[in-house]
Amino acid sequence: QVQLVESGGGLVRPGGSLKLSCAASGFIFRNYYMGWFRQAPGSEREGLAAAAISPDGGTTYYSDSVKGRFTVSRDNAKNTLYLQMDSLDVEDTAIYYCAAGSYRWDFRPLMRADYTAWGQGTQVTVSS
């Protein structure tokens, strides 16, 4: 079955960095859009970054809230999605989720509704 497992979360000070990983199994990874989302207490799940499918695997998408600070990448050989997070702020504190979505012509890379598989999430806490 489809499985997405996030790792790499933790506690970091403001200005610090973390790198999240998402190990995928149970589907053809390279054929799916992969995205990162987060959800803070009392807030809706927010789309942060996404990596397109092959052959456009180099195309990435970012929300304004993380553009220039976060970098999404995928390794299709390892079935793994990454999120490098730099210049972290206390407002980045949330549970971070990876998600997979099958391609269609009108796919919206940062829209929660367009993804069909989700990981269990990993907590990121930014605090001094």
C-alpha atoms as a PDB file:
ATOM      1  CA  GLN A   1       0.000   0.000   0.000  1.00  0.00           C
ATOM      2  CA  VAL A   2       0.993   3.625  -0.377  1.00  0.00           C
ATOM      3  CA  GLN A   3       3.185   4.756   2.470  1.00  0.00           C
ATOM      4  CA  LEU A   4       4.856   8.087   3.169  1.00  0.00           C
ATOM      5  CA  VAL A   5       7.107   8.414   6.193  1.00  0.00           C
ATOM      6  CA  GLU A   6       8.509  11.770   7.218  1.00  0.00           C
ATOM      7  CA  SER A   7      11.607  12.223   9.350  1.00  0.00           C
ATOM      8  CA  GLY A   8      14.038  14.934  10.374  1.00  0.00           C
ATOM      9  CA  GLY A   9      11.834  17.125  12.496  1.00  0.00           C
ATOM     10  CA  GLY A  10      12.884  18.457  15.866  1.00  0.00           C
ATOM     11  CA  LEU A  11      13.687  21.504  17.935  1.00  0.00           C
ATOM     12  CA  VAL A  12      15.790  24.263  16.412  1.00  0.00           C
ATOM     13  CA  ARG A  13      16.617  27.811  17.366  1.00  0.00           C
ATOM     14  CA  PRO A  14      15.449  30.783  15.303  1.00  0.00           C
ATOM     15  CA  GLY A  15      17.744  31.271  12.339  1.00  0.00           C
ATOM     16  CA  GLY A  16      18.665  27.607  12.291  1.00  0.00           C
ATOM     17  CA  SER A  17      18.156  24.907   9.690  1.00  0.00           C
ATOM     18  CA  LEU A  18      16.557  21.493   9.401  1.00  0.00           C
ATOM     19  CA  LYS A  19      16.252  19.010   6.587  1.00  0.00           C
ATOM     20  CA  LEU A  20      13.160  16.865   6.361  1.00  0.00           C
ATOM     21  CA  SER A  21      12.936  13.616   4.452  1.00  0.00           C
ATOM     22  CA  CYS A  22       9.954  11.682   3.185  1.00  0.00           C
ATOM     23  CA  ALA A  23      10.442   8.043   2.269  1.00  0.00           C
ATOM     24  CA  ALA A  24       7.830   6.781  -0.179  1.00  0.00           C
ATOM     25  CA  SER A  25       6.752   3.259  -1.013  1.00  0.00           C
ATOM     26  CA  GLY A  26       3.866   1.392  -2.578  1.00  0.00           C
ATOM     27  CA  PHE A  27       3.582   3.498  -5.730  1.00  0.00           C
ATOM     28  CA  ILE A  28       5.657   4.668  -8.685  1.00  0.00           C
ATOM     29  CA  PHE A  29       7.278   7.652  -7.026  1.00  0.00           C
ATOM     30  CA  ARG A  30       8.568   9.310 -10.179  1.00  0.00           C
ATOM     31  CA  ASN A  31       5.046   9.507 -11.607  1.00  0.00           C
ATOM     32  CA  TYR A  32       3.646  11.560  -8.750  1.00  0.00           C
ATOM     33  CA  TYR A  33       3.802  15.182  -7.759  1.00  0.00           C
ATOM     34  CA  MET A  34       5.247  15.398  -4.278  1.00  0.00           C
ATOM     35  CA  GLY A  35       4.503  18.192  -1.880  1.00  0.00           C
ATOM     36  CA  TRP A  36       5.257  19.485   1.593  1.00  0.00           C
ATOM     37  CA  PHE A  37       2.550  20.947   3.782  1.00  0.00           C
ATOM     38  CA  ARG A  38       2.392  22.108   7.360  1.00  0.00           C
ATOM     39  CA  GLN A  39      -0.261  22.646   9.959  1.00  0.00           C
ATOM     40  CA  ALA A  40       0.082  24.762  13.066  1.00  0.00           C
ATOM     41  CA  PRO A  41      -2.378  24.496  15.969  1.00  0.00           C
ATOM     42  CA  GLY A  42      -5.613  26.241  15.110  1.00  0.00           C
ATOM     43  CA  SER A  43      -4.616  26.736  11.481  1.00  0.00           C
ATOM     44  CA  GLU A  44      -5.450  25.041   8.222  1.00  0.00           C
ATOM     45  CA  ARG A  45      -2.957  22.827   6.449  1.00  0.00           C
ATOM     46  CA  GLU A  46      -0.788  25.047   4.271  1.00  0.00           C
ATOM     47  CA  GLY A  47       0.982  24.075   1.051  1.00  0.00           C
ATOM     48  CA  LEU A  48       4.658  25.027   1.190  1.00  0.00           C
ATOM     49  CA  ALA A  49       6.571  23.429  -1.634  1.00  0.00           C
ATOM     50  CA  ALA A  50       6.188  20.861  -4.356  1.00  0.00           C
ATOM     51  CA  ALA A  51       8.304  19.021  -6.897  1.00  0.00           C
ATOM     52  CA  ALA A  52       6.911  18.138 -10.295  1.00  0.00           C
ATOM     53  CA  ILE A  53       6.983  14.704 -11.886  1.00  0.00           C
ATOM     54  CA  SER A  54       9.507  13.569 -14.461  1.00  0.00           C
ATOM     55  CA  PRO A  55      10.524  14.697 -17.004  1.00  0.00           C
ATOM     56  CA  ASP A  56       9.864  18.052 -15.357  1.00  0.00           C
ATOM     57  CA  GLY A  57      11.218  16.836 -12.067  1.00  0.00           C
ATOM     58  CA  GLY A  58      13.358  19.918 -11.826  1.00  0.00           C
ATOM     59  CA  THR A  59      10.328  22.181 -11.648  1.00  0.00           C
ATOM     60  CA  THR A  60       9.523  23.274  -8.126  1.00  0.00           C
ATOM     61  CA  TYR A  61       6.847  25.403  -6.548  1.00  0.00           C
ATOM     62  CA  TYR A  62       6.878  27.447  -3.345  1.00  0.00           C
ATOM     63  CA  SER A  63       4.480  29.432  -1.279  1.00  0.00           C
ATOM     64  CA  ASP A  64       5.359  33.032  -0.623  1.00  0.00           C
ATOM     65  CA  SER A  65       5.823  32.230   3.065  1.00  0.00           C
ATOM     66  CA  VAL A  66       8.827  29.977   2.420  1.00  0.00           C
ATOM     67  CA  LYS A  67      10.204  31.087  -0.938  1.00  0.00           C
ATOM     68  CA  GLY A  68      13.901  31.829  -0.629  1.00  0.00           C
ATOM     69  CA  ARG A  69      14.224  29.955   2.684  1.00  0.00           C
ATOM     70  CA  PHE A  70      13.042  26.424   1.896  1.00  0.00           C
ATOM     71  CA  THR A  71      14.232  24.150  -0.894  1.00  0.00           C
ATOM     72  CA  VAL A  72      12.337  21.080  -2.068  1.00  0.00           C
ATOM     73  CA  SER A  73      14.041  18.277  -3.948  1.00  0.00           C
ATOM     74  CA  ARG A  74      13.366  14.699  -4.886  1.00  0.00           C
ATOM     75  CA  ASP A  75      15.536  11.663  -5.513  1.00  0.00           C
ATOM     76  CA  ASN A  76      13.574   9.339  -7.744  1.00  0.00           C
ATOM     77  CA  ALA A  77      16.211   6.624  -7.411  1.00  0.00           C
ATOM     78  CA  LYS A  78      15.698   6.581  -3.652  1.00  0.00           C
ATOM     79  CA  ASN A  79      11.950   7.299  -3.685  1.00  0.00           C
ATOM     80  CA  THR A  80      12.591  10.152  -1.311  1.00  0.00           C
ATOM     81  CA  LEU A  81      11.441  13.741  -1.066  1.00  0.00           C
ATOM     82  CA  TYR A  82      13.393  16.360   0.863  1.00  0.00           C
ATOM     83  CA  LEU A  83      12.766  19.775   2.321  1.00  0.00           C
ATOM     84  CA  GLN A  84      15.759  21.872   3.304  1.00  0.00           C
ATOM     85  CA  MET A  85      14.604  24.585   5.673  1.00  0.00           C
ATOM     86  CA  ASP A  86      16.869  27.539   6.394  1.00  0.00           C
ATOM     87  CA  SER A  87      16.438  30.774   8.323  1.00  0.00           C
ATOM     88  CA  LEU A  88      13.744  29.195  10.429  1.00  0.00           C
ATOM     89  CA  ASP A  89      11.449  31.420  12.446  1.00  0.00           C
ATOM     90  CA  VAL A  90       9.153  30.703  15.385  1.00  0.00           C
ATOM     91  CA  GLU A  91       6.242  31.056  12.947  1.00  0.00           C
ATOM     92  CA  ASP A  92       7.531  27.952  11.143  1.00  0.00           C
ATOM     93  CA  THR A  93       6.585  25.820  14.139  1.00  0.00           C
ATOM     94  CA  ALA A  94       4.096  23.214  12.938  1.00  0.00           C
ATOM     95  CA  ILE A  95       3.620  19.605  11.999  1.00  0.00           C
ATOM     96  CA  TYR A  96       5.088  19.043   8.557  1.00  0.00           C
ATOM     97  CA  TYR A  97       3.547  16.553   6.149  1.00  0.00           C
ATOM     98  CA  CYS A  98       4.587  15.174   2.824  1.00  0.00           C
ATOM     99  CA  ALA A  99       1.992  14.209   0.252  1.00  0.00           C
ATOM    100  CA  ALA A 100       1.703  12.542  -3.127  1.00  0.00           C
ATOM    101  CA  GLY A 101      -0.608  13.462  -5.950  1.00  0.00           C
ATOM    102  CA  SER A 102      -1.147  11.825  -9.326  1.00  0.00           C
ATOM    103  CA  TYR A 103      -0.704  14.013 -12.348  1.00  0.00           C
ATOM    104  CA  ARG A 104      -3.525  15.610 -14.222  1.00  0.00           C
ATOM    105  CA  TRP A 105      -3.438  18.582 -16.552  1.00  0.00           C
ATOM    106  CA  ASP A 106      -4.902  20.982 -13.986  1.00  0.00           C
ATOM    107  CA  PHE A 107      -2.907  19.789 -10.993  1.00  0.00           C
ATOM    108  CA  ARG A 108      -2.337  22.516  -8.435  1.00  0.00           C
ATOM    109  CA  PRO A 109       0.978  21.802  -6.699  1.00  0.00           C
ATOM    110  CA  LEU A 110       0.265  23.696  -3.477  1.00  0.00           C
ATOM    111  CA  MET A 111      -3.374  22.738  -3.030  1.00  0.00           C
ATOM    112  CA  ARG A 112      -4.130  20.210  -0.328  1.00  0.00           C
ATOM    113  CA  ALA A 113      -7.187  18.908  -2.161  1.00  0.00           C
ATOM    114  CA  ASP A 114      -5.109  17.740  -5.129  1.00  0.00           C
ATOM    115  CA  TYR A 115      -3.063  15.281  -3.077  1.00  0.00           C
ATOM    116  CA  THR A 116      -4.346  11.809  -2.325  1.00  0.00           C
ATOM    117  CA  ALA A 117      -1.751  10.263  -0.033  1.00  0.00           C
ATOM    118  CA  TRP A 118      -0.286  11.700   3.156  1.00  0.00           C
ATOM    119  CA  GLY A 119       2.360  10.884   5.674  1.00  0.00           C
ATOM    120  CA  GLN A 120       1.811  10.957   9.413  1.00  0.00           C
ATOM    121  CA  GLY A 121       3.753  14.186   9.872  1.00  0.00           C
ATOM    122  CA  THR A 122       6.846  15.280  11.768  1.00  0.00           C
ATOM    123  CA  GLN A 123       6.952  18.030  14.364  1.00  0.00           C
ATOM    124  CA  VAL A 124       9.153  21.060  13.783  1.00  0.00           C
ATOM    125  CA  THR A 125       9.534  23.446  16.701  1.00  0.00           C
ATOM    126  CA  VAL A 126      11.440  26.692  16.364  1.00  0.00           C
ATOM    127  CA  SER A 127      12.165  28.216  19.735  1.00  0.00           C
ATOM    128  CA  SER A 128      14.927  29.936  21.620  1.00  0.00           C
END
